[in-house]
PDB file of N, CA and C in Angstrom:
ATOM      1  N   UNK A   1     -14.692  12.822   5.312  1.00  0.00           N
ATOM      2  CA  UNK A   1     -13.354  13.065   4.610  1.00  0.00           C
ATOM      3  C   UNK A   1     -12.688  11.711   4.524  1.00  0.00           C
ATOM      4  N   UNK A   2     -12.334  11.461   3.393  1.00  0.00           N
ATOM      5  CA  UNK A   2     -11.572  10.033   3.118  1.00  0.00           C
ATOM      6  C   UNK A   2     -10.251  10.123   3.763  1.00  0.00           C
ATOM      7  N   UNK A   3      -9.880   9.009   4.062  1.00  0.00           N
ATOM      8  CA  UNK A   3      -8.401   8.753   4.756  1.00  0.00           C
ATOM      9  C   UNK A   3      -7.404   8.418   3.391  1.00  0.00           C
ATOM     10  N   UNK A   4      -6.443   9.094   3.044  1.00  0.00           N
ATOM     11  CA  UNK A   4      -5.440   8.811   1.880  1.00  0.00           C
ATOM     12  C   UNK A   4      -4.274   8.522   2.716  1.00  0.00           C
ATOM     13  N   UNK A   5      -3.641   7.487   1.927  1.00  0.00           N
ATOM     14  CA  UNK A   5      -2.095   7.120   2.399  1.00  0.00           C
ATOM     15  C   UNK A   5      -1.518   6.507   1.337  1.00  0.00           C
ATOM     16  N   UNK A   6       0.060   6.613   1.379  1.00  0.00           N
ATOM     17  CA  UNK A   6       0.785   6.034   0.583  1.00  0.00           C
ATOM     18  C   UNK A   6       1.709   4.997   1.342  1.00  0.00           C
ATOM     19  N   UNK A   7       1.551   3.751   0.952  1.00  0.00           N
ATOM     20  CA  UNK A   7       2.251   2.677   1.451  1.00  0.00           C
ATOM     21  C   UNK A   7       3.429   2.191   0.853  1.00  0.00           C
ATOM     22  N   UNK A   8       4.604   2.134   1.308  1.00  0.00           N
ATOM     23  CA  UNK A   8       5.799   1.701   0.728  1.00  0.00           C
ATOM     24  C   UNK A   8       6.183   0.308   1.336  1.00  0.00           C
ATOM     25  N   UNK A   9       6.606  -0.392   0.350  1.00  0.00           N
ATOM     26  CA  UNK A   9       6.620  -1.730   0.974  1.00  0.00           C
ATOM     27  C   UNK A   9       8.131  -2.315   0.253  1.00  0.00           C
ATOM     28  N   UNK A  10       8.722  -3.009   1.138  1.00  0.00           N
ATOM     29  CA  UNK A  10       9.792  -3.940   0.840  1.00  0.00           C
ATOM     30  C   UNK A  10       9.444  -5.363   0.872  1.00  0.00           C
ATOM     31  N   UNK A  11       9.817  -5.954  -0.332  1.00  0.00           N
ATOM     32  CA  UNK A  11       9.242  -7.288  -0.615  1.00  0.00           C
ATOM     33  C   UNK A  11      10.651  -8.011  -0.628  1.00  0.00           C
ATOM     34  N   UNK A  12      10.213  -9.529  -0.575  1.00  0.00           N
ATOM     35  CA  UNK A  12      11.325 -10.649  -0.918  1.00  0.00           C
ATOM     36  C   UNK A  12      11.697 -10.380  -2.438  1.00  0.00           C
ATOM     37  N   UNK A  13      13.057 -10.708  -2.660  1.00  0.00           N
ATOM     38  CA  UNK A  13      13.530 -10.246  -3.845  1.00  0.00           C
ATOM     39  C   UNK A  13      12.895 -11.170  -5.086  1.00  0.00           C
ATOM     40  N   UNK A  14      12.617 -10.597  -6.127  1.00  0.00           N
ATOM     41  CA  UNK A  14      12.028 -11.180  -7.068  1.00  0.00           C
ATOM     42  C   UNK A  14      10.329 -11.272  -7.120  1.00  0.00           C
ATOM     43  N   UNK A  15       9.865 -10.762  -6.006  1.00  0.00           N
ATOM     44  CA  UNK A  15       8.479 -10.949  -5.781  1.00  0.00           C
ATOM     45  C   UNK A  15       7.546  -9.616  -6.070  1.00  0.00           C
ATOM     46  N   UNK A  16       8.346  -8.607  -6.330  1.00  0.00           N
ATOM     47  CA  UNK A  16       7.820  -7.365  -6.524  1.00  0.00           C
ATOM     48  C   UNK A  16       6.392  -7.216  -7.164  1.00  0.00           C
ATOM     49  N   UNK A  17       6.272  -7.664  -8.490  1.00  0.00           N
ATOM     50  CA  UNK A  17       5.302  -7.639  -9.449  1.00  0.00           C
ATOM     51  C   UNK A  17       4.294  -8.300  -8.985  1.00  0.00           C
ATOM     52  N   UNK A  18       4.471  -9.677  -8.222  1.00  0.00           N
ATOM     53  CA  UNK A  18       3.476 -10.408  -7.894  1.00  0.00           C
ATOM     54  C   UNK A  18       2.752  -9.639  -6.438  1.00  0.00           C
ATOM     55  N   UNK A  19       3.334  -9.037  -5.745  1.00  0.00           N
ATOM     56  CA  UNK A  19       2.770  -7.952  -4.800  1.00  0.00           C
ATOM     57  C   UNK A  19       1.997  -7.087  -5.529  1.00  0.00           C
ATOM     58  N   UNK A  20       2.446  -6.324  -6.410  1.00  0.00           N
ATOM     59  CA  UNK A  20       1.777  -5.347  -6.979  1.00  0.00           C
ATOM     60  C   UNK A  20       0.654  -5.775  -7.793  1.00  0.00           C
ATOM     61  N   UNK A  21       0.524  -6.964  -8.164  1.00  0.00           N
ATOM     62  CA  UNK A  21      -0.758  -7.646  -8.640  1.00  0.00           C
ATOM     63  C   UNK A  21      -1.534  -7.967  -7.815  1.00  0.00           C
ATOM     64  N   UNK A  22      -1.249  -8.285  -6.546  1.00  0.00           N
ATOM     65  CA  UNK A  22      -2.059  -8.555  -5.552  1.00  0.00           C
ATOM     66  C   UNK A  22      -2.840  -7.468  -4.947  1.00  0.00           C
ATOM     67  N   UNK A  23      -1.980  -6.421  -4.908  1.00  0.00           N
ATOM     68  CA  UNK A  23      -2.609  -4.987  -4.496  1.00  0.00           C
ATOM     69  C   UNK A  23      -3.655  -4.652  -5.200  1.00  0.00           C
ATOM     70  N   UNK A  24      -3.125  -4.501  -6.608  1.00  0.00           N
ATOM     71  CA  UNK A  24      -4.287  -3.942  -7.875  1.00  0.00           C
ATOM     72  C   UNK A  24      -5.563  -4.705  -7.611  1.00  0.00           C
ATOM     73  N   UNK A  25      -5.781  -5.931  -7.219  1.00  0.00           N
ATOM     74  CA  UNK A  25      -7.092  -6.233  -6.769  1.00  0.00           C
ATOM     75  C   UNK A  25      -7.803  -5.887  -5.658  1.00  0.00           C
ATOM     76  N   UNK A  26      -7.185  -5.253  -4.892  1.00  0.00           N
ATOM     77  CA  UNK A  26      -8.135  -4.564  -3.631  1.00  0.00           C
ATOM     78  C   UNK A  26      -8.652  -3.217  -4.079  1.00  0.00           C
ATOM     79  N   UNK A  27     -10.010  -3.219  -3.899  1.00  0.00           N
ATOM     80  CA  UNK A  27     -10.574  -2.050  -4.248  1.00  0.00           C
ATOM     81  C   UNK A  27     -10.052  -0.663  -3.890  1.00  0.00           C
ATOM     82  N   UNK A  28      -9.722  -0.808  -2.388  1.00  0.00           N
ATOM     83  CA  UNK A  28      -9.165   0.241  -1.678  1.00  0.00           C
ATOM     84  C   UNK A  28      -8.040   0.987  -2.177  1.00  0.00           C
ATOM     85  N   UNK A  29      -7.160   0.080  -3.287  1.00  0.00           N
ATOM     86  CA  UNK A  29      -6.135   0.689  -3.673  1.00  0.00           C
ATOM     87  C   UNK A  29      -6.066   1.174  -5.078  1.00  0.00           C
ATOM     88  N   UNK A  30      -5.954   2.583  -5.163  1.00  0.00           N
ATOM     89  CA  UNK A  30      -6.166   3.282  -6.470  1.00  0.00           C
ATOM     90  C   UNK A  30      -5.096   2.923  -7.396  1.00  0.00           C
ATOM     91  N   UNK A  31      -3.649   3.003  -6.836  1.00  0.00           N
ATOM     92  CA  UNK A  31      -2.519   2.628  -7.914  1.00  0.00           C
ATOM     93  C   UNK A  31      -1.663   1.866  -7.204  1.00  0.00           C
ATOM     94  N   UNK A  32      -0.712   1.062  -7.762  1.00  0.00           N
ATOM     95  CA  UNK A  32       0.511   0.164  -7.252  1.00  0.00           C
ATOM     96  C   UNK A  32       1.295   0.022  -8.597  1.00  0.00           C
ATOM     97  N   UNK A  33       2.640   0.163  -8.025  1.00  0.00           N
ATOM     98  CA  UNK A  33       3.595  -0.148  -9.103  1.00  0.00           C
ATOM     99  C   UNK A  33       4.847  -0.505  -8.420  1.00  0.00           C
ATOM    100  N   UNK A  34       5.817  -1.034  -9.143  1.00  0.00           N
ATOM    101  CA  UNK A  34       7.019  -1.440  -8.610  1.00  0.00           C
ATOM    102  C   UNK A  34       7.945  -0.225  -8.690  1.00  0.00           C
ATOM    103  N   UNK A  35       8.960  -0.225  -7.738  1.00  0.00           N
ATOM    104  CA  UNK A  35       9.715   0.955  -7.617  1.00  0.00           C
ATOM    105  C   UNK A  35      11.329   0.479  -7.721  1.00  0.00           C
ATOM    106  N   UNK A  36      11.980   1.403  -7.942  1.00  0.00           N
ATOM    107  CA  UNK A  36      13.567   1.372  -7.960  1.00  0.00           C
ATOM    108  C   UNK A  36      14.076   2.122  -6.818  1.00  0.00           C
ATOM    109  N   UNK A  37      15.134   1.618  -6.010  1.00  0.00           N
ATOM    110  CA  UNK A  37      15.386   2.162  -4.846  1.00  0.00           C
ATOM    111  C   UNK A  37      15.347   1.902  -3.481  1.00  0.00           C
ATOM    112  N   UNK A  38      15.097   2.504  -2.269  1.00  0.00           N
ATOM    113  CA  UNK A  38      15.120   2.032  -0.913  1.00  0.00           C
ATOM    114  C   UNK A  38      13.712   0.971  -0.856  1.00  0.00           C
ATOM    115  N   UNK A  39      12.673   1.293  -1.448  1.00  0.00           N
ATOM    116  CA  UNK A  39      11.421   0.332  -1.620  1.00  0.00           C
ATOM    117  C   UNK A  39      11.364  -0.133  -2.745  1.00  0.00           C
ATOM    118  N   UNK A  40      10.524  -1.289  -2.731  1.00  0.00           N
ATOM    119  CA  UNK A  40      10.287  -2.168  -3.945  1.00  0.00           C
ATOM    120  C   UNK A  40       8.897  -1.906  -4.469  1.00  0.00           C
ATOM    121  N   UNK A  41       8.014  -1.535  -3.823  1.00  0.00           N
ATOM    122  CA  UNK A  41       6.631  -1.419  -4.352  1.00  0.00           C
ATOM    123  C   UNK A  41       6.038  -0.025  -3.619  1.00  0.00           C
ATOM    124  N   UNK A  42       5.014   0.525  -4.178  1.00  0.00           N
ATOM    125  CA  UNK A  42       4.349   1.593  -3.760  1.00  0.00           C
ATOM    126  C   UNK A  42       2.777   1.671  -4.056  1.00  0.00           C
ATOM    127  N   UNK A  43       1.854   1.926  -3.071  1.00  0.00           N
ATOM    128  CA  UNK A  43       0.579   1.871  -3.415  1.00  0.00           C
ATOM    129  C   UNK A  43      -0.072   3.040  -2.752  1.00  0.00           C
ATOM    130  N   UNK A  44      -1.178   3.630  -3.430  1.00  0.00           N
ATOM    131  CA  UNK A  44      -1.889   4.653  -3.078  1.00  0.00           C
ATOM    132  C   UNK A  44      -3.353   4.212  -2.563  1.00  0.00           C
ATOM    133  N   UNK A  45      -3.665   4.335  -1.078  1.00  0.00           N
ATOM    134  CA  UNK A  45      -4.828   3.769  -0.543  1.00  0.00           C
ATOM    135  C   UNK A  45      -6.051   4.900  -0.214  1.00  0.00           C
ATOM    136  N   UNK A  46      -7.122   4.763  -0.718  1.00  0.00           N
ATOM    137  CA  UNK A  46      -8.140   5.679  -0.269  1.00  0.00           C
ATOM    138  C   UNK A  46      -9.347   4.999   0.443  1.00  0.00           C
ATOM    139  N   UNK A  47      -9.473   5.222   1.700  1.00  0.00           N
ATOM    140  CA  UNK A  47     -10.762   4.551   2.446  1.00  0.00           C
ATOM    141  C   UNK A  47     -11.343   5.772   3.035  1.00  0.00           C
ATOM    142  N   UNK A  48     -12.732   4.996   3.757  1.00  0.00           N
ATOM    143  CA  UNK A  48     -13.424   6.194   4.332  1.00  0.00           C
ATOM    144  C   UNK A  48     -12.831   6.940   5.634  1.00  0.00           C
ATOM    145  N   UNK A  49     -12.135   6.125   6.460  1.00  0.00           N
ATOM    146  CA  UNK A  49     -11.447   6.604   7.600  1.00  0.00           C
ATOM    147  C   UNK A  49     -10.358   6.100   8.097  1.00  0.00           C
ATOM    148  N   UNK A  50      -9.694   6.472   8.919  1.00  0.00           N
ATOM    149  CA  UNK A  50      -8.283   6.085   9.366  1.00  0.00           C
ATOM    150  C   UNK A  50      -8.588   4.470  10.170  1.00  0.00           C
ATOM    151  N   UNK A  51      -9.661   4.210  10.718  1.00  0.00           N
ATOM    152  CA  UNK A  51      -9.899   2.917  11.124  1.00  0.00           C
ATOM    153  C   UNK A  51      -9.816   1.897   9.951  1.00  0.00           C
ATOM    154  N   UNK A  52     -10.483   2.115   9.001  1.00  0.00           N
ATOM    155  CA  UNK A  52     -10.254   1.450   7.796  1.00  0.00           C
ATOM    156  C   UNK A  52      -8.982   1.273   7.533  1.00  0.00           C
ATOM    157  N   UNK A  53      -8.224   2.238   7.214  1.00  0.00           N
ATOM    158  CA  UNK A  53      -6.843   2.280   6.847  1.00  0.00           C
ATOM    159  C   UNK A  53      -6.158   1.335   7.833  1.00  0.00           C
ATOM    160  N   UNK A  54      -6.325   1.282   8.870  1.00  0.00           N
ATOM    161  CA  UNK A  54      -5.430   0.539  10.009  1.00  0.00           C
ATOM    162  C   UNK A  54      -5.681  -0.856   9.370  1.00  0.00           C
ATOM    163  N   UNK A  55      -7.059  -1.230   9.389  1.00  0.00           N
ATOM    164  CA  UNK A  55      -7.214  -2.686   9.205  1.00  0.00           C
ATOM    165  C   UNK A  55      -6.949  -3.108   7.837  1.00  0.00           C
ATOM    166  N   UNK A  56      -7.022  -2.169   6.435  1.00  0.00           N
ATOM    167  CA  UNK A  56      -6.415  -2.527   5.507  1.00  0.00           C
ATOM    168  C   UNK A  56      -4.938  -3.011   5.632  1.00  0.00           C
ATOM    169  N   UNK A  57      -4.127  -2.082   6.262  1.00  0.00           N
ATOM    170  CA  UNK A  57      -2.586  -2.032   5.968  1.00  0.00           C
ATOM    171  C   UNK A  57      -2.400  -3.425   6.899  1.00  0.00           C
ATOM    172  N   UNK A  58      -2.990  -3.471   8.117  1.00  0.00           N
ATOM    173  CA  UNK A  58      -2.647  -4.572   9.026  1.00  0.00           C
ATOM    174  C   UNK A  58      -2.976  -6.149   8.615  1.00  0.00           C
ATOM    175  N   UNK A  59      -4.262  -6.117   7.985  1.00  0.00           N
ATOM    176  CA  UNK A  59      -4.717  -7.237   7.509  1.00  0.00           C
ATOM    177  C   UNK A  59      -4.686  -7.754   6.394  1.00  0.00           C
ATOM    178  N   UNK A  60      -4.416  -6.703   5.362  1.00  0.00           N
ATOM    179  CA  UNK A  60      -4.747  -7.092   3.916  1.00  0.00           C
ATOM    180  C   UNK A  60      -2.963  -6.999   3.410  1.00  0.00           C
ATOM    181  N   UNK A  61      -2.649  -5.734   3.703  1.00  0.00           N
ATOM    182  CA  UNK A  61      -1.294  -5.532   2.804  1.00  0.00           C
ATOM    183  C   UNK A  61      -0.122  -6.001   3.620  1.00  0.00           C
ATOM    184  N   UNK A  62      -0.081  -5.947   4.770  1.00  0.00           N
ATOM    185  CA  UNK A  62       1.204  -6.640   5.367  1.00  0.00           C
ATOM    186  C   UNK A  62       1.249  -8.263   5.750  1.00  0.00           C
ATOM    187  N   UNK A  63      -0.023  -8.631   5.390  1.00  0.00           N
ATOM    188  CA  UNK A  63       0.057 -10.037   5.358  1.00  0.00           C
ATOM    189  C   UNK A  63       0.278 -10.720   3.970  1.00  0.00           C
ATOM    190  N   UNK A  64       0.390  -9.910   2.925  1.00  0.00           N
ATOM    191  CA  UNK A  64       0.701 -10.460   1.589  1.00  0.00           C
ATOM    192  C   UNK A  64       1.736 -11.334   1.580  1.00  0.00           C
ATOM    193  N   UNK A  65       1.722 -12.508   0.770  1.00  0.00           N
ATOM    194  CA  UNK A  65       2.963 -13.267   0.842  1.00  0.00           C
ATOM    195  C   UNK A  65       4.018 -12.422   0.127  1.00  0.00           C
ATOM    196  N   UNK A  66       5.218 -12.287   0.225  1.00  0.00           N
ATOM    197  CA  UNK A  66       6.209 -11.789  -0.199  1.00  0.00           C
ATOM    198  C   UNK A  66       6.635 -10.335   0.209  1.00  0.00           C
ATOM    199  N   UNK A  67       5.541  -9.813   1.202  1.00  0.00           N
ATOM    200  CA  UNK A  67       5.904  -8.484   1.827  1.00  0.00           C
ATOM    201  C   UNK A  67       6.757  -8.709   3.047  1.00  0.00           C
ATOM    202  N   UNK A  68       7.835  -8.003   3.152  1.00  0.00           N
ATOM    203  CA  UNK A  68       8.802  -8.066   4.313  1.00  0.00           C
ATOM    204  C   UNK A  68       8.602  -6.850   5.426  1.00  0.00           C
ATOM    205  N   UNK A  69       8.510  -5.588   4.679  1.00  0.00           N
ATOM    206  CA  UNK A  69       8.007  -4.472   5.634  1.00  0.00           C
ATOM    207  C   UNK A  69       7.193  -3.413   4.780  1.00  0.00           C
ATOM    208  N   UNK A  70       6.585  -2.478   5.478  1.00  0.00           N
ATOM    209  CA  UNK A  70       5.892  -1.462   5.271  1.00  0.00           C
ATOM    210  C   UNK A  70       6.143  -0.490   6.087  1.00  0.00           C
ATOM    211  N   UNK A  71       5.830   0.733   5.223  1.00  0.00           N
ATOM    212  CA  UNK A  71       6.038   2.248   5.930  1.00  0.00           C
ATOM    213  C   UNK A  71       4.613   2.890   5.285  1.00  0.00           C
ATOM    214  N   UNK A  72       3.993   3.235   6.013  1.00  0.00           N
ATOM    215  CA  UNK A  72       2.760   4.133   5.715  1.00  0.00           C
ATOM    216  C   UNK A  72       2.852   5.572   5.857  1.00  0.00           C
ATOM    217  N   UNK A  73       2.617   6.391   5.093  1.00  0.00           N
ATOM    218  CA  UNK A  73       2.227   7.804   4.911  1.00  0.00           C
ATOM    219  C   UNK A  73       1.231   8.078   4.671  1.00  0.00           C
ATOM    220  N   UNK A  74       0.600   9.009   5.834  1.00  0.00           N
ATOM    221  CA  UNK A  74      -0.748   9.187   5.733  1.00  0.00           C
ATOM    222  C   UNK A  74      -0.811  10.874   5.332  1.00  0.00           C
ATOM    223  N   UNK A  75      -1.676  11.136   4.422  1.00  0.00           N
ATOM    224  CA  UNK A  75      -1.760  12.460   3.811  1.00  0.00           C
ATOM    225  C   UNK A  75      -2.364  13.202   4.765  1.00  0.00           C
ATOM    226  N   UNK A  76      -1.638  14.631   4.846  1.00  0.00           N
ATOM    227  CA  UNK A  76      -2.081  15.711   5.692  1.00  0.00           C
ATOM    228  C   UNK A  76      -3.472  16.434   5.346  1.00  0.00           C
ATOM    229  N   UNK A  77      -3.684  16.546   3.980  1.00  0.00           N
ATOM    230  CA  UNK A  77      -4.618  17.133   3.331  1.00  0.00           C
ATOM    231  C   UNK A  77      -5.007  16.644   1.841  1.00  0.00           C
ATOM    232  N   UNK A  78      -5.831  16.794   1.239  1.00  0.00           N
ATOM    233  CA  UNK A  78      -6.273  16.249  -0.228  1.00  0.00           C
ATOM    234  C   UNK A  78      -6.315  17.622  -0.859  1.00  0.00           C
ATOM    235  N   UNK A  79      -5.123  17.742  -1.808  1.00  0.00           N
ATOM    236  CA  UNK A  79      -5.300  19.049  -2.500  1.00  0.00           C
ATOM    237  C   UNK A  79      -6.527  19.104  -3.768  1.00  0.00           C
ATOM    238  N   UNK A  80      -7.122  19.872  -4.089  1.00  0.00           N
ATOM    239  CA  UNK A  80      -7.978  19.991  -5.084  1.00  0.00           C
ATOM    240  C   UNK A  80      -7.513  20.608  -6.546  1.00  0.00           C
TER     241      UNK A  80
END
């Protein structure tokens, strides 16, 4: 079963679209967009398992230039 997560990101001011563009180039990211509110960017991640999710978030998402903080919400189940 795939591991699905929503990652909420806080970015440096003015770098939101740059971060979305970088996220959109990652094959594991199904969707990414700029938000208004407490968080600046959202992305939906779909990978094979939670170990891949951990690697992706720690090594690829959190290290993007302009990313200040991330919050990862893992899906409890995948509705049909």
